[in-house]
Protein backbone atom coordinates (compact mmCIF):
# COMPACT_ATOMS: atom_id res chain seq x y z
CA UNK A 1 75.45 109.56 95.03
CA UNK A 2 74.74 110.52 98.65
CA UNK A 3 75.49 107.35 100.52
CA UNK A 4 78.30 105.87 102.57
CA UNK A 5 80.66 103.41 101.04
CA UNK A 6 82.54 100.85 103.04
CA UNK A 7 85.81 99.39 101.84
CA UNK A 8 85.81 95.71 102.77
CA UNK A 9 88.94 94.56 104.59
CA UNK A 10 90.89 92.09 102.52
CA UNK A 11 91.41 88.82 104.38
CA UNK A 12 93.42 87.06 101.72
CA UNK A 13 96.18 86.40 104.25
CA UNK A 14 93.88 84.39 106.53
CA UNK A 15 94.77 81.10 104.96
CA UNK A 16 97.28 79.72 102.51
CA UNK A 17 97.45 76.64 100.38
CA UNK A 18 97.98 73.47 102.35
CA UNK A 19 98.00 69.81 101.44
CA UNK A 20 94.73 68.14 102.42
CA UNK A 21 95.27 65.95 105.43
CA UNK A 22 98.32 67.76 106.75
CA UNK A 23 98.15 67.82 110.53
CA UNK A 24 100.18 70.98 111.08
CA UNK A 25 98.06 74.13 111.10
CA UNK A 26 101.04 76.49 111.19
CA UNK A 27 102.16 75.72 107.64
CA UNK A 28 99.15 77.51 106.17
CA UNK A 29 100.09 80.73 107.95
CA UNK A 30 103.80 80.78 107.19
CA UNK A 31 104.48 83.96 105.19
CA UNK A 32 106.92 84.10 102.30
CA UNK A 33 110.25 85.12 103.85
CA UNK A 34 111.12 88.72 102.89
CA UNK A 35 114.35 89.47 101.08
CA UNK A 36 116.85 91.64 102.91
CA UNK A 37 118.19 94.74 101.23
CA UNK A 38 117.54 95.93 97.68
CA UNK A 39 116.59 93.47 94.95
CA UNK A 40 115.21 93.55 91.41
CA UNK A 41 111.51 92.74 91.20
CA UNK A 42 110.72 93.55 87.56
CA UNK A 43 112.81 93.82 84.40
CA UNK A 44 112.22 93.20 80.67
CA UNK A 45 113.93 90.03 79.50
CA UNK A 46 115.24 91.56 76.25
CA UNK A 47 116.90 94.95 75.70
CA UNK A 48 118.08 96.73 72.51
CA UNK A 49 121.81 97.02 71.86
CA UNK A 50 121.83 100.83 72.12
CA UNK A 51 119.03 101.03 74.67
CA UNK A 52 118.91 101.16 78.45
CA UNK A 53 118.51 98.55 81.16
CA UNK A 54 115.35 99.38 83.13
CA UNK A 55 114.52 97.63 86.40
CA UNK A 56 112.17 98.04 89.31
CA UNK A 57 114.01 97.71 92.62
CA UNK A 58 112.59 97.48 96.11
CA UNK A 59 113.64 96.75 99.68
CA UNK A 60 111.54 94.99 102.33
CA UNK A 61 113.89 94.69 105.31
CA UNK A 62 117.29 96.00 106.45
CA UNK A 63 117.28 98.72 103.81
CA UNK A 64 120.63 100.53 103.39
CA UNK A 65 120.81 104.30 103.81
CA UNK A 66 122.40 104.67 100.38
CA UNK A 67 120.26 104.43 97.23
CA UNK A 68 120.34 101.22 95.17
CA UNK A 69 122.85 100.82 92.35
CA UNK A 70 122.33 98.41 89.45
CA UNK A 71 125.21 96.13 88.43
CA UNK A 72 125.12 94.70 84.89
CA UNK A 73 127.55 91.86 84.19
CA UNK A 74 128.22 90.23 80.79
CA UNK A 75 127.84 86.47 81.12
CA UNK A 76 130.01 85.84 78.06
CA UNK A 77 133.03 87.87 79.15
CA UNK A 78 132.52 88.06 82.90
CA UNK A 79 133.05 91.83 82.78
CA UNK A 80 130.92 94.40 84.55
CA UNK A 81 129.39 96.85 82.07
CA UNK A 82 130.40 100.48 82.47
CA UNK A 83 127.60 103.01 82.52
CA UNK A 84 125.58 105.60 84.42
CA UNK A 85 122.37 105.26 86.40
CA UNK A 86 119.37 107.48 87.11
CA UNK A 87 115.88 107.21 88.47
CA UNK A 88 113.13 107.16 85.86
CA UNK A 89 111.59 110.63 85.84
CA UNK A 90 107.85 111.22 86.31
CA UNK A 91 107.38 107.96 88.20
CA UNK A 92 106.39 108.05 91.87
CA UNK A 93 108.30 106.10 94.49
CA UNK A 94 105.75 103.66 95.90
CA UNK A 95 105.55 100.47 97.90
CA UNK A 96 106.23 98.64 94.65
CA UNK A 97 109.70 100.15 94.60
CA UNK A 98 111.57 102.58 92.37
CA UNK A 99 112.38 102.32 88.68
CA UNK A 100 116.08 102.66 87.81
CA UNK A 101 117.54 103.33 84.35
CA UNK A 102 121.06 102.09 83.63
CA UNK A 103 122.72 103.62 80.53
CA UNK A 104 125.61 101.49 79.23
CA UNK A 105 128.67 103.50 78.16
CA UNK A 106 128.82 101.44 74.93
CA UNK A 107 126.24 99.40 73.04
CA UNK A 108 125.54 95.93 74.39
CA UNK A 109 126.69 92.89 72.44
CA UNK A 110 124.10 91.21 70.24
CA UNK A 111 123.07 87.82 71.59
CA UNK A 112 124.96 88.21 74.87
CA UNK A 113 123.18 87.57 78.14
CA UNK A 114 123.70 89.76 81.19
CA UNK A 115 123.06 89.29 84.89
CA UNK A 116 121.50 92.29 86.62
CA UNK A 117 121.91 92.61 90.37
CA UNK A 118 121.91 95.39 92.96
CA UNK A 119 125.24 96.42 94.44
CA UNK A 120 125.77 94.93 97.88
CA UNK A 121 122.87 92.45 97.78
CA UNK A 122 123.27 89.06 99.41
CA UNK A 123 123.88 86.46 96.66
CA UNK A 124 122.63 83.74 99.01
CA UNK A 125 119.16 85.29 98.87
CA UNK A 126 119.04 86.63 95.33
CA UNK A 127 121.21 85.56 92.42
CA UNK A 128 120.17 88.30 90.02
CA UNK A 129 118.07 88.42 86.86
CA UNK A 130 119.26 87.41 83.40
CA UNK A 131 118.48 89.57 80.37
CA UNK A 132 119.49 89.29 76.71
CA UNK A 133 120.65 91.95 74.26
CA UNK A 134 119.10 91.72 70.80
CA UNK A 135 119.46 93.75 67.62
CA UNK A 136 116.04 92.47 66.52
CA UNK A 137 114.01 93.96 69.35
CA UNK A 138 111.23 96.09 67.86
CA UNK A 139 110.96 99.48 69.55
CA UNK A 140 108.20 100.77 67.30
CA UNK A 141 105.03 101.57 69.22
CA UNK A 142 102.02 100.22 67.38
CA UNK A 143 98.32 100.58 68.00
CA UNK A 144 98.27 97.13 69.62
CA UNK A 145 101.02 97.84 72.16
CA UNK A 146 98.41 98.31 74.89
CA UNK A 147 95.30 96.27 75.56
CA UNK A 148 92.27 97.21 77.63
CA UNK A 149 89.48 95.38 79.43
CA UNK A 150 86.25 96.42 81.11
CA UNK A 151 85.02 94.63 84.21
CA UNK A 152 82.50 95.23 86.98
CA UNK A 153 83.63 95.04 90.61
CA UNK A 154 81.68 95.51 93.80
CA UNK A 155 82.04 96.89 97.31
CA UNK A 156 79.78 96.86 100.36
CA UNK A 157 77.04 99.48 100.26
CA UNK A 158 75.64 101.24 103.30
CA UNK A 159 76.64 100.78 106.94
CA UNK A 160 78.44 97.45 107.48
CA UNK A 161 78.21 94.98 110.33
CA UNK A 162 81.51 93.70 111.65
CA UNK A 163 82.89 90.91 113.78
CA UNK A 164 86.20 89.32 114.68
CA UNK A 165 86.99 86.21 112.67
CA UNK A 166 89.29 83.74 114.40
CA UNK A 167 91.30 81.23 112.38
CA UNK A 168 94.48 79.26 112.94
CA UNK A 169 96.28 82.28 111.43
CA UNK A 170 94.99 84.64 114.13
CA UNK A 171 92.16 87.12 114.56
CA UNK A 172 91.02 89.23 111.63
CA UNK A 173 88.25 91.81 111.25
CA UNK A 174 85.41 90.77 108.96
CA UNK A 175 82.61 93.06 107.79
CA UNK A 176 79.64 92.65 105.50
CA UNK A 177 76.43 94.35 104.48
CA UNK A 178 73.06 93.48 103.06
CA UNK A 179 73.79 95.25 99.78
CA UNK A 180 76.70 95.76 97.40
CA UNK A 181 77.43 98.49 94.89
CA UNK A 182 78.80 97.42 91.51
CA UNK A 183 80.94 99.78 89.44
CA UNK A 184 83.06 99.72 86.30
CA UNK A 185 86.85 99.38 86.18
CA UNK A 186 88.72 100.05 82.93
CA UNK A 187 92.14 98.41 82.99
CA UNK A 188 94.89 99.13 80.45
CA UNK A 189 97.98 96.92 80.23
CA UNK A 190 100.91 96.20 77.93
CA UNK A 191 100.15 93.53 75.36
CA UNK A 192 102.15 90.31 75.41
CA UNK A 193 103.78 90.92 72.02
CA UNK A 194 105.10 94.39 72.91
CA UNK A 195 106.30 93.82 76.47
CA UNK A 196 110.07 94.03 76.07
CA UNK A 197 110.05 96.92 73.60
CA UNK A 198 107.60 98.96 75.67
CA UNK A 199 109.96 98.49 78.62
CA UNK A 200 112.08 101.24 77.08
CA UNK A 201 109.26 103.78 77.60
CA UNK A 202 107.31 105.41 80.41
CA UNK A 203 103.59 105.27 79.63
CA UNK A 204 101.07 107.93 80.58
CA UNK A 205 97.48 106.78 80.18
CA UNK A 206 94.86 109.53 80.02
CA UNK A 207 91.34 108.27 80.72
CA UNK A 208 88.65 110.07 78.73
CA UNK A 209 84.89 110.26 78.56
CA UNK A 210 83.27 109.43 75.20
CA UNK A 211 83.00 113.18 74.48
CA UNK A 212 86.75 113.65 75.08
CA UNK A 213 86.73 115.13 78.60
CA UNK A 214 89.75 114.15 80.69
CA UNK A 215 88.86 112.00 83.70
CA UNK A 216 92.28 111.22 85.09
CA UNK A 217 95.87 110.23 84.31
CA UNK A 218 98.14 107.40 85.38
CA UNK A 219 101.86 107.45 84.67
CA UNK A 220 103.71 104.20 85.07
CA UNK A 221 106.47 101.96 83.86
CA UNK A 222 105.60 98.34 83.81
CA UNK A 223 105.95 95.76 81.11
CA UNK A 224 103.46 93.47 82.83
CA UNK A 225 101.32 95.71 85.04
CA UNK A 226 97.97 97.42 84.74
CA UNK A 227 96.77 101.01 85.18
CA UNK A 228 93.09 101.45 85.99
CA UNK A 229 90.29 103.96 86.30
CA UNK A 230 86.92 103.42 87.98
CA UNK A 231 83.49 104.70 86.96
CA UNK A 232 80.47 104.91 89.25
CA UNK A 233 78.03 104.45 86.39
CA UNK A 234 78.03 102.33 83.28
CA UNK A 235 78.43 103.97 79.86
CA UNK A 236 78.26 102.62 76.32
CA UNK A 237 82.06 102.84 76.07
CA UNK A 238 85.16 103.96 77.98
CA UNK A 239 88.06 105.76 76.32
CA UNK A 240 91.77 106.29 76.92
CA UNK A 241 94.85 107.69 75.19
CA UNK A 242 98.45 106.61 75.73
CA UNK A 243 101.55 108.81 75.52
CA UNK A 244 104.96 107.14 75.52
CA UNK A 245 108.18 108.84 76.62
CA UNK A 246 111.40 107.13 75.56
CA UNK A 247 113.84 106.36 78.37
CA UNK A 248 116.58 106.30 75.74
CA UNK A 249 116.33 109.84 74.35
CA UNK A 250 113.21 111.42 75.91
CA UNK A 251 111.21 111.53 72.67
CA UNK A 252 107.44 111.24 73.04
CA UNK A 253 104.89 109.32 71.00
CA UNK A 254 101.18 110.06 71.36
CA UNK A 255 98.77 107.38 70.25
CA UNK A 256 95.23 107.83 68.99
CA UNK A 257 92.30 107.66 71.39
CA UNK A 258 90.90 104.17 71.93
CA UNK A 259 87.36 103.42 73.16
CA UNK A 260 86.32 100.09 74.65
CA UNK A 261 82.63 99.10 74.71
CA UNK A 262 80.97 98.09 77.97
CA UNK A 263 79.77 94.93 76.28
CA UNK A 264 78.66 92.14 78.60
CA UNK A 265 80.78 93.26 81.58
CA UNK A 266 77.66 93.40 83.76
CA UNK A 267 75.25 95.82 85.37
CA UNK A 268 76.21 98.60 87.76
CA UNK A 269 74.22 99.95 90.70
CA UNK A 270 73.12 98.66 94.11
CA UNK A 271 72.13 95.00 94.49
CA UNK A 272 71.37 92.57 97.34
CA UNK A 273 74.51 90.87 98.63
CA UNK A 274 74.95 87.25 97.62
CA UNK A 275 74.60 85.39 100.89
CA UNK A 276 75.84 82.22 99.24
CA UNK A 277 79.19 83.96 98.85
CA UNK A 278 79.14 85.30 102.39
CA UNK A 279 78.26 81.99 104.01
CA UNK A 280 81.71 80.30 104.02
CA UNK A 281 83.28 83.43 105.49
CA UNK A 282 80.95 84.33 108.32
CA UNK A 283 81.40 81.02 110.14
CA UNK A 284 84.72 82.15 111.58
CA UNK A 285 83.20 85.07 113.49
CA UNK A 286 83.38 84.70 117.28
CA UNK A 287 79.88 86.16 117.50
CA UNK A 288 77.37 86.99 114.75
CA UNK A 289 77.57 90.40 113.05
CA UNK A 290 74.48 92.44 113.84
CA UNK A 291 71.70 91.62 111.42
CA UNK A 292 73.33 88.40 110.23
CA UNK A 293 72.57 86.11 113.19
CA UNK A 294 70.57 83.65 111.09
CA UNK A 295 73.27 83.37 108.43
CA UNK A 296 75.99 82.95 111.06
CA UNK A 297 74.05 80.25 112.89
CA UNK A 298 73.18 78.38 109.70
CA UNK A 299 76.85 78.05 108.86
CA UNK A 300 77.84 76.67 112.26
CA UNK A 301 77.72 72.88 112.31
CA UNK A 302 77.67 73.04 116.13
CA UNK A 303 75.33 76.02 116.48
CA UNK A 304 72.32 75.77 118.75
CA UNK A 305 69.70 78.39 119.63
CA UNK A 306 70.62 80.25 122.81
CA UNK A 307 67.60 81.02 124.95
CA UNK A 308 65.14 81.55 122.15
CA UNK A 309 64.63 81.83 118.41
CA UNK A 310 67.73 82.41 116.34
CA UNK A 311 66.57 85.75 115.05
CA UNK A 312 65.97 87.03 118.59
CA UNK A 313 68.77 85.67 120.69
CA UNK A 314 71.53 84.60 118.33
CA UNK A 315 73.40 81.32 118.79
CA UNK A 316 75.85 79.69 121.11
CA UNK A 317 78.66 77.47 119.92
CA UNK A 318 79.62 74.38 121.85
CA UNK A 319 83.35 74.39 122.61
CA UNK A 320 85.55 71.80 121.00
CA UNK A 321 83.38 71.22 117.94
CA UNK A 322 83.66 72.34 114.34
CA UNK A 323 86.52 72.13 111.85
CA UNK A 324 89.90 72.40 113.52
CA UNK A 325 92.41 70.55 111.34
CA UNK A 326 95.10 72.57 109.62
CA UNK A 327 93.98 71.70 106.10
CA UNK A 328 90.35 72.58 106.76
CA UNK A 329 91.17 75.94 108.27
CA UNK A 330 93.61 76.86 105.55
CA UNK A 331 91.24 75.81 102.77
CA UNK A 332 88.38 77.86 104.21
CA UNK A 333 90.76 80.73 104.89
CA UNK A 334 91.95 80.70 101.30
CA UNK A 335 88.39 80.62 100.03
CA UNK A 336 87.55 83.55 102.29
CA UNK A 337 90.50 85.53 101.04
CA UNK A 338 89.79 84.89 97.39
CA UNK A 339 86.11 85.66 97.78
CA UNK A 340 86.73 88.91 99.60
CA UNK A 341 89.54 89.94 97.29
CA UNK A 342 87.01 90.07 94.49
CA UNK A 343 84.70 92.14 96.66
CA UNK A 344 87.19 94.62 98.01
CA UNK A 345 86.28 98.06 96.72
CA UNK A 346 88.80 100.80 96.54
CA UNK A 347 87.72 104.29 97.46
CA UNK A 348 86.88 106.09 94.29
CA UNK A 349 87.32 109.81 93.85
CA UNK A 350 84.46 111.91 92.58
CA UNK A 351 84.67 112.63 88.91
């Protein structure tokens, strides 16, 4: 397709949840305080007795120069478990953190719970994560270990018009266009029943065309995450194949190819933008985006024609009017963020 695509800027941070009627506007913009130093962000809740403890670790602020080290402590005995640690191979280090594999020197005790922390972390900020050792954990990889879903997402199509949106959380860029392009996303994730067992494996998902051609690969470890592939055009079905590599002994298991029908996921292509969705967002622009003067003016409760017809001259806004309470701004900001989050298109590579 020979056209320009624009990736809409996510404005989900423009407003947060606030209690209706609250007079303070700053509460809606208060970010979640970051944790200092390394901390565990993801870990299976159950591990096999002779398996490994796998955890995703990240650092947001005041990151030490030394790499993170997992500490596994037996809640029943109070003793720290002896073992060795390594980074999970084949997994990239990303903003989501790194995946660490802790290999106990001896099998864990059946039924015991363990607290997993990172060496040197501040206990006042993060108390650690509790896991349980179980002899009954099923490590067999079945055909239902992974589940897949097909959905249609959209992004702005063509050259966008932009403005600066001003809320009680500050100024944010906001862009929109007359048309959107809808495309297919195939998402593959670990099924609920297999989460803890699959946590002992690294998964490589190979996305395939119906005729078996390879379209791309995603390698990840995540017992609750999703790997995805996007398609510009709809097809009758979308296929993938999963290969598992054991973090215990390195053995690999290759599953059969699975194909998911498009079903009623929706049409793909270029469509007119839904102005009803745009309306609540555009009102926060300081001035109307080019080509959207009428929509901008219609959404301003204090908007009056400035020197002529709306479509010719735009609008002027009387100072001091319009919604200004903290709860109103945060509610609209949240709606804006959620609406745009569904519209944000990620740049898709050519197949």
